[in-house]
Amino acid sequence: MKFIAGLGNPGKQYENTRHNIGFLVLDELIKKFPEAAFTENKKIAGQLAKTQEVVLFKPGKFMNLSGEPIRKAVDYYKILPKNIYLVRDDVDLPFGQIKIQFARGSAGHKGAISTIEYLNTDEFWHLRVGIAGEDRHQRPTDEYVISQFTKSEKAKLPDLIKRAVDALVVCLEKSPAIAAQEFNQKNCS
């Protein structure tokens, strides 16, 4: 079984911010699985959707604490680290790029740090979604990641999300290596 966790922050004020790209991708990915729906799981602290082959998960804790609910979900479903995919924003990649890597480490991303700490390994897949726009260096990183997308980025956001979903589908149906060859660092149009 595969496990895909999309990172973000809970709460209305964060819904369409850069940091919530992981949630946005999973909200689109679930449409590929008409038999599944997200349901709240208070014991694990997050929203889960399950098919016979995949579990989709949106942690219900803030980004910096997302490792704990991910660990609970992974333990519950007995998922091996090599079958975990972490979908997260990346402020070091230009807006529109995605990158799929294994055992990537955190690169300073607080949600990835928390996940690595709770899983006690970085031996899982990362789908990094570039969120760095032209205004990237106009404010501190912690403010930038919870900011809204610009008007021009909002126009391109559906394509970026679609490409991230397509990459995950290739990961699931073929392999992450094939997905990486096909999708890594190509800009959305």
N, C-alpha and C. Protein backbone atom coordinates (compact mmCIF):
# COMPACT_ATOMS: atom_id res chain seq x y z
N MET A 1 0.83 -1.18 0.00
CA MET A 1 0.00 0.00 0.00
C MET A 1 0.88 1.24 0.00
N LYS A 2 0.45 2.27 -0.75
CA LYS A 2 1.16 3.55 -0.81
C LYS A 2 0.46 4.55 0.11
N PHE A 3 1.24 5.49 0.61
CA PHE A 3 0.73 6.52 1.52
C PHE A 3 1.18 7.87 1.01
N ILE A 4 0.22 8.76 0.74
CA ILE A 4 0.55 10.09 0.24
C ILE A 4 0.05 11.11 1.25
N ALA A 5 0.98 11.84 1.83
CA ALA A 5 0.65 12.90 2.79
C ALA A 5 0.88 14.25 2.11
N GLY A 6 -0.14 15.07 2.11
CA GLY A 6 -0.01 16.44 1.61
C GLY A 6 0.09 17.38 2.78
N LEU A 7 1.13 18.20 2.80
CA LEU A 7 1.33 19.08 3.95
C LEU A 7 0.65 20.43 3.75
N GLY A 8 0.21 20.98 4.87
CA GLY A 8 -0.43 22.30 4.90
C GLY A 8 -0.76 22.67 6.32
N ASN A 9 -1.42 23.78 6.47
CA ASN A 9 -1.86 24.25 7.78
C ASN A 9 -3.38 24.20 7.84
N PRO A 10 -3.94 23.72 8.95
CA PRO A 10 -5.40 23.73 9.08
C PRO A 10 -5.91 25.15 9.32
N GLY A 11 -7.15 25.39 8.97
CA GLY A 11 -7.77 26.68 9.24
C GLY A 11 -8.05 27.46 7.97
N LYS A 12 -9.17 28.16 8.02
CA LYS A 12 -9.66 28.93 6.86
C LYS A 12 -8.62 29.95 6.37
N GLN A 13 -7.92 30.61 7.30
CA GLN A 13 -6.99 31.67 6.91
C GLN A 13 -5.80 31.16 6.10
N TYR A 14 -5.55 29.85 6.10
CA TYR A 14 -4.41 29.29 5.38
C TYR A 14 -4.81 28.54 4.10
N GLU A 15 -6.10 28.47 3.82
CA GLU A 15 -6.60 27.60 2.75
C GLU A 15 -5.87 27.70 1.42
N ASN A 16 -5.66 28.87 0.91
CA ASN A 16 -5.06 29.00 -0.41
C ASN A 16 -3.70 29.68 -0.37
N THR A 17 -2.95 29.39 0.68
CA THR A 17 -1.61 29.97 0.81
C THR A 17 -0.57 29.03 0.20
N ARG A 18 0.60 29.57 0.01
CA ARG A 18 1.70 28.80 -0.59
C ARG A 18 2.03 27.54 0.22
N HIS A 19 2.00 27.67 1.54
CA HIS A 19 2.34 26.55 2.42
C HIS A 19 1.33 25.40 2.29
N ASN A 20 0.16 25.66 1.77
CA ASN A 20 -0.89 24.64 1.69
C ASN A 20 -0.97 23.95 0.34
N ILE A 21 0.08 24.06 -0.45
CA ILE A 21 0.07 23.42 -1.76
C ILE A 21 -0.12 21.90 -1.64
N GLY A 22 0.40 21.30 -0.58
CA GLY A 22 0.21 19.85 -0.37
C GLY A 22 -1.26 19.49 -0.22
N PHE A 23 -2.02 20.29 0.52
CA PHE A 23 -3.46 20.07 0.66
C PHE A 23 -4.15 20.26 -0.68
N LEU A 24 -3.77 21.31 -1.42
CA LEU A 24 -4.39 21.59 -2.71
C LEU A 24 -4.18 20.44 -3.70
N VAL A 25 -2.98 19.89 -3.69
CA VAL A 25 -2.68 18.75 -4.58
C VAL A 25 -3.53 17.54 -4.19
N LEU A 26 -3.64 17.23 -2.91
CA LEU A 26 -4.45 16.08 -2.49
C LEU A 26 -5.94 16.29 -2.76
N ASP A 27 -6.41 17.53 -2.65
CA ASP A 27 -7.81 17.82 -2.97
C ASP A 27 -8.11 17.53 -4.44
N GLU A 28 -7.13 17.69 -5.29
CA GLU A 28 -7.30 17.37 -6.71
C GLU A 28 -7.04 15.88 -6.96
N LEU A 29 -6.05 15.32 -6.31
CA LEU A 29 -5.71 13.90 -6.50
C LEU A 29 -6.87 12.99 -6.13
N ILE A 30 -7.61 13.33 -5.10
CA ILE A 30 -8.69 12.44 -4.66
C ILE A 30 -9.76 12.27 -5.74
N LYS A 31 -9.85 13.20 -6.66
CA LYS A 31 -10.81 13.07 -7.78
C LYS A 31 -10.49 11.88 -8.67
N LYS A 32 -9.25 11.40 -8.61
CA LYS A 32 -8.85 10.21 -9.38
C LYS A 32 -9.36 8.93 -8.74
N PHE A 33 -9.88 9.03 -7.52
CA PHE A 33 -10.35 7.88 -6.77
C PHE A 33 -11.81 8.11 -6.35
N PRO A 34 -12.76 7.93 -7.27
CA PRO A 34 -14.16 8.25 -6.95
C PRO A 34 -14.74 7.44 -5.80
N GLU A 35 -14.12 6.32 -5.47
CA GLU A 35 -14.61 5.49 -4.36
C GLU A 35 -14.15 6.02 -3.00
N ALA A 36 -13.27 7.02 -2.99
CA ALA A 36 -12.69 7.52 -1.73
C ALA A 36 -13.18 8.93 -1.43
N ALA A 37 -13.19 9.25 -0.15
CA ALA A 37 -13.53 10.60 0.31
C ALA A 37 -12.76 10.87 1.60
N PHE A 38 -12.37 12.12 1.77
CA PHE A 38 -11.69 12.48 3.01
C PHE A 38 -12.67 12.48 4.17
N THR A 39 -12.27 11.85 5.26
CA THR A 39 -13.05 11.90 6.49
C THR A 39 -12.12 12.28 7.63
N GLU A 40 -12.65 13.00 8.58
CA GLU A 40 -11.87 13.44 9.74
C GLU A 40 -11.61 12.26 10.67
N ASN A 41 -10.37 12.10 11.08
CA ASN A 41 -10.01 11.06 12.04
C ASN A 41 -9.34 11.76 13.22
N LYS A 42 -10.10 11.95 14.28
CA LYS A 42 -9.60 12.69 15.44
C LYS A 42 -8.50 11.93 16.18
N LYS A 43 -8.55 10.61 16.17
CA LYS A 43 -7.54 9.81 16.87
C LYS A 43 -6.16 10.00 16.22
N ILE A 44 -6.15 10.01 14.90
CA ILE A 44 -4.89 10.20 14.18
C ILE A 44 -4.58 11.68 13.99
N ALA A 45 -5.58 12.52 14.05
CA ALA A 45 -5.45 13.98 13.88
C ALA A 45 -5.19 14.34 12.42
N GLY A 46 -6.20 14.10 11.61
CA GLY A 46 -6.10 14.49 10.21
C GLY A 46 -7.25 13.96 9.40
N GLN A 47 -7.20 14.25 8.10
CA GLN A 47 -8.21 13.78 7.17
C GLN A 47 -7.62 12.63 6.34
N LEU A 48 -8.33 11.53 6.33
CA LEU A 48 -7.89 10.33 5.62
C LEU A 48 -8.86 9.96 4.50
N ALA A 49 -8.31 9.44 3.42
CA ALA A 49 -9.10 8.82 2.35
C ALA A 49 -8.34 7.56 1.95
N LYS A 50 -9.06 6.45 1.77
CA LYS A 50 -8.39 5.17 1.53
C LYS A 50 -9.04 4.43 0.37
N THR A 51 -8.18 3.85 -0.47
CA THR A 51 -8.61 2.90 -1.48
C THR A 51 -7.88 1.59 -1.17
N GLN A 52 -8.01 0.60 -2.04
CA GLN A 52 -7.31 -0.66 -1.81
C GLN A 52 -5.80 -0.50 -1.94
N GLU A 53 -5.35 0.48 -2.75
CA GLU A 53 -3.93 0.63 -3.00
C GLU A 53 -3.26 1.83 -2.37
N VAL A 54 -4.03 2.83 -1.95
CA VAL A 54 -3.42 4.08 -1.50
C VAL A 54 -4.22 4.71 -0.36
N VAL A 55 -3.47 5.34 0.54
CA VAL A 55 -4.05 6.16 1.60
C VAL A 55 -3.61 7.59 1.35
N LEU A 56 -4.57 8.51 1.30
CA LEU A 56 -4.28 9.93 1.19
C LEU A 56 -4.49 10.54 2.56
N PHE A 57 -3.59 11.45 2.95
CA PHE A 57 -3.66 11.99 4.31
C PHE A 57 -3.30 13.46 4.33
N LYS A 58 -4.15 14.24 5.01
CA LYS A 58 -3.88 15.65 5.28
C LYS A 58 -3.81 15.81 6.80
N PRO A 59 -2.59 16.03 7.34
CA PRO A 59 -2.47 16.18 8.79
C PRO A 59 -3.32 17.33 9.31
N GLY A 60 -3.89 17.12 10.49
CA GLY A 60 -4.75 18.13 11.09
C GLY A 60 -4.02 19.06 12.04
N LYS A 61 -2.72 18.91 12.14
CA LYS A 61 -1.92 19.81 12.98
C LYS A 61 -1.16 20.78 12.09
N PHE A 62 -0.66 21.85 12.70
CA PHE A 62 0.08 22.83 11.93
C PHE A 62 1.35 22.19 11.34
N MET A 63 1.82 22.81 10.26
CA MET A 63 2.94 22.30 9.47
C MET A 63 4.09 21.79 10.34
N ASN A 64 4.51 22.58 11.30
CA ASN A 64 5.68 22.24 12.12
C ASN A 64 5.45 21.01 12.99
N LEU A 65 4.20 20.59 13.14
CA LEU A 65 3.85 19.44 13.99
C LEU A 65 3.27 18.28 13.19
N SER A 66 3.37 18.33 11.89
CA SER A 66 2.70 17.34 11.04
C SER A 66 3.29 15.94 11.12
N GLY A 67 4.51 15.81 11.61
CA GLY A 67 5.13 14.49 11.70
C GLY A 67 4.41 13.53 12.63
N GLU A 68 3.87 14.04 13.74
CA GLU A 68 3.18 13.17 14.69
C GLU A 68 1.95 12.50 14.08
N PRO A 69 1.02 13.24 13.46
CA PRO A 69 -0.12 12.55 12.85
C PRO A 69 0.27 11.67 11.67
N ILE A 70 1.30 12.06 10.93
CA ILE A 70 1.77 11.20 9.83
C ILE A 70 2.25 9.88 10.41
N ARG A 71 3.02 9.93 11.47
CA ARG A 71 3.52 8.70 12.11
C ARG A 71 2.37 7.82 12.58
N LYS A 72 1.35 8.43 13.20
CA LYS A 72 0.19 7.66 13.67
C LYS A 72 -0.51 6.96 12.50
N ALA A 73 -0.69 7.68 11.42
CA ALA A 73 -1.38 7.10 10.25
C ALA A 73 -0.54 5.99 9.62
N VAL A 74 0.76 6.23 9.47
CA VAL A 74 1.66 5.24 8.88
C VAL A 74 1.70 3.98 9.74
N ASP A 75 1.75 4.15 11.05
CA ASP A 75 1.75 3.00 11.96
C ASP A 75 0.43 2.24 11.86
N TYR A 76 -0.67 2.97 11.83
CA TYR A 76 -1.98 2.33 11.77
C TYR A 76 -2.12 1.45 10.52
N TYR A 77 -1.67 1.98 9.37
CA TYR A 77 -1.80 1.24 8.11
C TYR A 77 -0.58 0.37 7.80
N LYS A 78 0.42 0.38 8.70
CA LYS A 78 1.63 -0.44 8.53
C LYS A 78 2.32 -0.18 7.19
N ILE A 79 2.58 1.09 6.93
CA ILE A 79 3.21 1.52 5.68
C ILE A 79 4.73 1.55 5.86
N LEU A 80 5.43 0.97 4.92
CA LEU A 80 6.89 1.04 4.91
C LEU A 80 7.34 2.41 4.43
N PRO A 81 8.42 2.96 4.96
CA PRO A 81 8.88 4.28 4.53
C PRO A 81 9.04 4.42 3.02
N LYS A 82 9.53 3.40 2.34
CA LYS A 82 9.74 3.50 0.89
C LYS A 82 8.43 3.68 0.11
N ASN A 83 7.28 3.46 0.78
CA ASN A 83 5.97 3.64 0.15
C ASN A 83 5.28 4.93 0.57
N ILE A 84 6.03 5.83 1.20
CA ILE A 84 5.48 7.12 1.65
C ILE A 84 5.89 8.21 0.66
N TYR A 85 4.92 9.05 0.32
CA TYR A 85 5.14 10.21 -0.53
C TYR A 85 4.72 11.44 0.26
N LEU A 86 5.62 12.40 0.41
CA LEU A 86 5.35 13.63 1.13
C LEU A 86 5.24 14.76 0.11
N VAL A 87 4.05 15.32 -0.03
CA VAL A 87 3.81 16.41 -0.98
C VAL A 87 3.91 17.72 -0.20
N ARG A 88 4.87 18.56 -0.59
CA ARG A 88 5.12 19.77 0.19
C ARG A 88 5.57 20.92 -0.70
N ASP A 89 5.38 22.12 -0.16
CA ASP A 89 5.87 23.31 -0.84
C ASP A 89 7.39 23.36 -0.74
N ASP A 90 8.00 24.08 -1.69
CA ASP A 90 9.44 24.30 -1.63
C ASP A 90 9.73 25.72 -2.07
N VAL A 91 10.19 26.51 -1.12
CA VAL A 91 10.48 27.92 -1.36
C VAL A 91 11.79 28.11 -2.12
N ASP A 92 12.57 27.04 -2.28
CA ASP A 92 13.82 27.12 -3.04
C ASP A 92 13.64 26.76 -4.51
N LEU A 93 12.47 26.27 -4.87
CA LEU A 93 12.17 25.98 -6.28
C LEU A 93 11.29 27.10 -6.84
N PRO A 94 11.57 27.55 -8.05
CA PRO A 94 10.72 28.57 -8.66
C PRO A 94 9.28 28.08 -8.81
N PHE A 95 8.35 29.01 -8.69
CA PHE A 95 6.95 28.68 -8.87
C PHE A 95 6.78 27.96 -10.21
N GLY A 96 6.08 26.84 -10.16
CA GLY A 96 5.79 26.10 -11.39
C GLY A 96 6.65 24.87 -11.59
N GLN A 97 7.70 24.71 -10.79
CA GLN A 97 8.54 23.52 -10.92
C GLN A 97 8.15 22.50 -9.86
N ILE A 98 8.33 21.24 -10.20
CA ILE A 98 8.17 20.17 -9.22
C ILE A 98 9.42 19.29 -9.28
N LYS A 99 9.66 18.63 -8.18
CA LYS A 99 10.82 17.74 -8.13
C LYS A 99 10.46 16.55 -7.25
N ILE A 100 10.73 15.36 -7.75
CA ILE A 100 10.49 14.11 -7.03
C ILE A 100 11.84 13.52 -6.67
N GLN A 101 12.03 13.27 -5.36
CA GLN A 101 13.31 12.73 -4.90
C GLN A 101 13.08 11.76 -3.75
N PHE A 102 13.99 10.81 -3.63
CA PHE A 102 13.95 9.86 -2.54
C PHE A 102 14.99 10.26 -1.50
N ALA A 103 14.65 10.12 -0.23
CA ALA A 103 15.56 10.42 0.88
C ALA A 103 16.16 11.82 0.73
N ARG A 104 15.32 12.77 0.47
CA ARG A 104 15.72 14.13 0.15
C ARG A 104 16.26 14.88 1.36
N GLY A 105 15.82 14.54 2.55
CA GLY A 105 16.13 15.37 3.70
C GLY A 105 15.12 16.50 3.76
N SER A 106 15.31 17.39 4.71
CA SER A 106 14.29 18.44 4.92
C SER A 106 14.56 19.72 4.17
N ALA A 107 15.81 20.03 3.88
CA ALA A 107 16.20 21.31 3.29
C ALA A 107 15.63 22.48 4.09
N GLY A 108 15.47 22.26 5.40
CA GLY A 108 14.98 23.32 6.27
C GLY A 108 13.47 23.45 6.35
N HIS A 109 12.74 22.65 5.60
CA HIS A 109 11.27 22.71 5.61
C HIS A 109 10.76 22.11 6.92
N LYS A 110 10.03 22.91 7.69
CA LYS A 110 9.62 22.50 9.04
C LYS A 110 8.71 21.27 9.04
N GLY A 111 7.82 21.15 8.07
CA GLY A 111 6.97 19.97 7.99
C GLY A 111 7.76 18.71 7.66
N ALA A 112 8.75 18.86 6.79
CA ALA A 112 9.63 17.73 6.47
C ALA A 112 10.50 17.37 7.67
N ILE A 113 10.99 18.37 8.37
CA ILE A 113 11.79 18.11 9.58
C ILE A 113 10.97 17.30 10.58
N SER A 114 9.74 17.74 10.84
CA SER A 114 8.87 17.05 11.79
C SER A 114 8.60 15.61 11.34
N THR A 115 8.35 15.43 10.05
CA THR A 115 8.06 14.10 9.52
C THR A 115 9.27 13.19 9.65
N ILE A 116 10.44 13.68 9.31
CA ILE A 116 11.67 12.89 9.42
C ILE A 116 11.92 12.51 10.88
N GLU A 117 11.72 13.46 11.79
CA GLU A 117 11.94 13.17 13.21
C GLU A 117 10.98 12.10 13.73
N TYR A 118 9.70 12.21 13.38
CA TYR A 118 8.73 11.24 13.89
C TYR A 118 8.85 9.87 13.23
N LEU A 119 9.23 9.84 11.95
CA LEU A 119 9.41 8.55 11.27
C LEU A 119 10.78 7.96 11.58
N ASN A 120 11.67 8.79 12.08
CA ASN A 120 13.03 8.38 12.40
C ASN A 120 13.79 7.92 11.15
N THR A 121 13.44 8.51 10.02
CA THR A 121 14.10 8.21 8.75
C THR A 121 13.73 9.28 7.73
N ASP A 122 14.59 9.44 6.73
CA ASP A 122 14.22 10.27 5.58
C ASP A 122 14.13 9.40 4.32
N GLU A 123 14.02 8.10 4.52
CA GLU A 123 13.98 7.13 3.42
C GLU A 123 12.57 7.01 2.86
N PHE A 124 12.03 8.15 2.39
CA PHE A 124 10.73 8.17 1.74
C PHE A 124 10.80 9.17 0.58
N TRP A 125 9.74 9.23 -0.21
CA TRP A 125 9.70 10.08 -1.39
C TRP A 125 9.20 11.47 -1.05
N HIS A 126 9.80 12.47 -1.68
CA HIS A 126 9.37 13.85 -1.55
C HIS A 126 8.89 14.33 -2.92
N LEU A 127 7.70 14.91 -2.96
CA LEU A 127 7.26 15.65 -4.14
C LEU A 127 7.28 17.11 -3.73
N ARG A 128 8.31 17.80 -4.16
CA ARG A 128 8.50 19.21 -3.82
C ARG A 128 7.87 20.07 -4.90
N VAL A 129 7.00 20.98 -4.48
CA VAL A 129 6.28 21.84 -5.42
C VAL A 129 6.80 23.27 -5.23
N GLY A 130 7.38 23.81 -6.29
CA GLY A 130 7.98 25.14 -6.23
C GLY A 130 6.96 26.24 -6.03
N ILE A 131 7.20 27.07 -5.01
CA ILE A 131 6.27 28.17 -4.71
C ILE A 131 6.96 29.53 -4.74
N ALA A 132 8.24 29.59 -5.11
CA ALA A 132 8.99 30.84 -5.07
C ALA A 132 8.68 31.70 -6.28
N GLY A 133 7.97 32.77 -6.04
CA GLY A 133 7.65 33.72 -7.10
C GLY A 133 8.68 34.83 -7.18
N GLU A 134 8.42 35.78 -8.06
CA GLU A 134 9.34 36.90 -8.24
C GLU A 134 9.46 37.74 -6.96
N ASP A 135 8.44 37.71 -6.11
CA ASP A 135 8.45 38.49 -4.88
C ASP A 135 9.04 37.72 -3.70
N ARG A 136 9.70 36.61 -3.94
CA ARG A 136 10.19 35.70 -2.90
C ARG A 136 11.02 36.40 -1.83
N HIS A 137 11.87 37.31 -2.20
CA HIS A 137 12.81 37.89 -1.22
C HIS A 137 12.33 39.24 -0.67
N GLN A 138 11.06 39.53 -0.81
CA GLN A 138 10.52 40.80 -0.31
C GLN A 138 10.07 40.71 1.15
N ARG A 139 10.07 39.52 1.73
CA ARG A 139 9.71 39.35 3.14
C ARG A 139 10.35 38.08 3.68
N PRO A 140 10.38 37.92 5.00
CA PRO A 140 10.97 36.71 5.58
C PRO A 140 10.24 35.44 5.13
N THR A 141 10.97 34.34 5.10
CA THR A 141 10.41 33.07 4.63
C THR A 141 9.15 32.67 5.38
N ASP A 142 9.15 32.81 6.72
CA ASP A 142 7.98 32.38 7.49
C ASP A 142 6.73 33.18 7.15
N GLU A 143 6.87 34.42 6.71
CA GLU A 143 5.73 35.21 6.25
C GLU A 143 5.38 34.86 4.81
N TYR A 144 6.41 34.65 4.00
CA TYR A 144 6.19 34.39 2.58
C TYR A 144 5.39 33.11 2.36
N VAL A 145 5.73 32.06 3.08
CA VAL A 145 5.09 30.77 2.83
C VAL A 145 3.60 30.76 3.20
N ILE A 146 3.18 31.66 4.08
CA ILE A 146 1.75 31.71 4.42
C ILE A 146 1.03 32.83 3.68
N SER A 147 1.69 33.38 2.66
CA SER A 147 1.07 34.43 1.85
C SER A 147 0.26 33.80 0.71
N GLN A 148 -0.65 34.60 0.17
CA GLN A 148 -1.45 34.20 -0.98
C GLN A 148 -0.58 34.23 -2.24
N PHE A 149 -1.00 33.48 -3.24
CA PHE A 149 -0.33 33.52 -4.53
C PHE A 149 -0.67 34.84 -5.22
N THR A 150 0.24 35.31 -6.07
CA THR A 150 -0.03 36.53 -6.84
C THR A 150 -1.10 36.23 -7.89
N LYS A 151 -1.61 37.27 -8.50
CA LYS A 151 -2.65 37.11 -9.53
C LYS A 151 -2.15 36.24 -10.69
N SER A 152 -0.93 36.49 -11.14
CA SER A 152 -0.41 35.69 -12.26
C SER A 152 -0.16 34.24 -11.84
N GLU A 153 0.27 34.03 -10.59
CA GLU A 153 0.47 32.67 -10.09
C GLU A 153 -0.87 31.94 -9.96
N LYS A 154 -1.89 32.64 -9.50
CA LYS A 154 -3.22 32.02 -9.37
C LYS A 154 -3.72 31.51 -10.72
N ALA A 155 -3.39 32.24 -11.79
CA ALA A 155 -3.81 31.82 -13.13
C ALA A 155 -3.10 30.53 -13.54
N LYS A 156 -1.86 30.32 -13.06
CA LYS A 156 -1.08 29.13 -13.41
C LYS A 156 -1.24 28.00 -12.39
N LEU A 157 -1.82 28.29 -11.24
CA LEU A 157 -1.92 27.31 -10.15
C LEU A 157 -2.65 26.03 -10.56
N PRO A 158 -3.79 26.11 -11.28
CA PRO A 158 -4.45 24.85 -11.67
C PRO A 158 -3.55 23.93 -12.49
N ASP A 159 -2.73 24.51 -13.37
CA ASP A 159 -1.82 23.69 -14.17
C ASP A 159 -0.74 23.06 -13.30
N LEU A 160 -0.21 23.84 -12.35
CA LEU A 160 0.81 23.31 -11.44
C LEU A 160 0.25 22.16 -10.61
N ILE A 161 -0.94 22.34 -10.07
CA ILE A 161 -1.57 21.28 -9.27
C ILE A 161 -1.83 20.05 -10.13
N LYS A 162 -2.31 20.26 -11.35
CA LYS A 162 -2.57 19.14 -12.27
C LYS A 162 -1.28 18.37 -12.56
N ARG A 163 -0.19 19.08 -12.79
CA ARG A 163 1.08 18.41 -13.06
C ARG A 163 1.56 17.62 -11.85
N ALA A 164 1.37 18.17 -10.65
CA ALA A 164 1.76 17.44 -9.44
C ALA A 164 0.91 16.18 -9.29
N VAL A 165 -0.37 16.29 -9.56
CA VAL A 165 -1.26 15.12 -9.51
C VAL A 165 -0.83 14.09 -10.57
N ASP A 166 -0.57 14.55 -11.78
CA ASP A 166 -0.13 13.64 -12.85
C ASP A 166 1.16 12.93 -12.45
N ALA A 167 2.07 13.66 -11.80
CA ALA A 167 3.33 13.04 -11.35
C ALA A 167 3.06 11.96 -10.31
N LEU A 168 2.14 12.22 -9.39
CA LEU A 168 1.80 11.21 -8.38
C LEU A 168 1.14 9.99 -9.01
N VAL A 169 0.31 10.20 -10.00
CA VAL A 169 -0.32 9.08 -10.70
C VAL A 169 0.74 8.22 -11.38
N VAL A 170 1.73 8.85 -12.02
CA VAL A 170 2.82 8.10 -12.64
C VAL A 170 3.61 7.35 -11.56
N CYS A 171 3.84 7.98 -10.42
CA CYS A 171 4.53 7.29 -9.30
C CYS A 171 3.77 6.03 -8.91
N LEU A 172 2.46 6.14 -8.80
CA LEU A 172 1.64 5.01 -8.36
C LEU A 172 1.50 3.93 -9.42
N GLU A 173 1.31 4.35 -10.67
CA GLU A 173 1.03 3.38 -11.74
C GLU A 173 2.29 2.81 -12.39
N LYS A 174 3.36 3.57 -12.41
CA LYS A 174 4.61 3.11 -13.03
C LYS A 174 5.70 3.05 -11.97
N SER A 175 6.36 4.19 -11.75
CA SER A 175 7.38 4.25 -10.70
C SER A 175 7.76 5.70 -10.44
N PRO A 176 8.27 5.98 -9.23
CA PRO A 176 8.74 7.34 -8.96
C PRO A 176 9.91 7.75 -9.86
N ALA A 177 10.75 6.80 -10.25
CA ALA A 177 11.88 7.12 -11.12
C ALA A 177 11.39 7.62 -12.48
N ILE A 178 10.38 6.96 -13.02
CA ILE A 178 9.81 7.41 -14.30
C ILE A 178 9.16 8.78 -14.13
N ALA A 179 8.44 8.98 -13.03
CA ALA A 179 7.81 10.28 -12.78
C ALA A 179 8.87 11.38 -12.67
N ALA A 180 9.98 11.07 -12.00
CA ALA A 180 11.04 12.07 -11.85
C ALA A 180 11.61 12.46 -13.21
N GLN A 181 11.83 11.47 -14.07
CA GLN A 181 12.35 11.76 -15.41
C GLN A 181 11.39 12.65 -16.19
N GLU A 182 10.11 12.38 -16.03
CA GLU A 182 9.10 13.08 -16.81
C GLU A 182 8.77 14.48 -16.27
N PHE A 183 8.83 14.66 -14.96
CA PHE A 183 8.30 15.89 -14.37
C PHE A 183 9.32 16.79 -13.68
N ASN A 184 10.46 16.29 -13.28
CA ASN A 184 11.38 17.09 -12.47
C ASN A 184 11.80 18.38 -13.15
N GLN A 185 11.56 19.46 -12.44
CA GLN A 185 12.02 20.80 -12.78
C GLN A 185 11.56 21.35 -14.12
N LYS A 186 10.49 20.82 -14.66
CA LYS A 186 9.93 21.42 -15.87
C LYS A 186 8.87 22.42 -15.42
N ASN A 187 8.94 23.62 -15.95
CA ASN A 187 7.98 24.65 -15.57
C ASN A 187 6.60 24.37 -16.13
N CYS A 188 5.60 24.83 -15.38
CA CYS A 188 4.25 24.77 -15.93
C CYS A 188 4.12 25.91 -16.92
N SER A 189 3.22 25.76 -17.87
CA SER A 189 3.09 26.78 -18.92
C SER A 189 2.29 27.97 -18.47
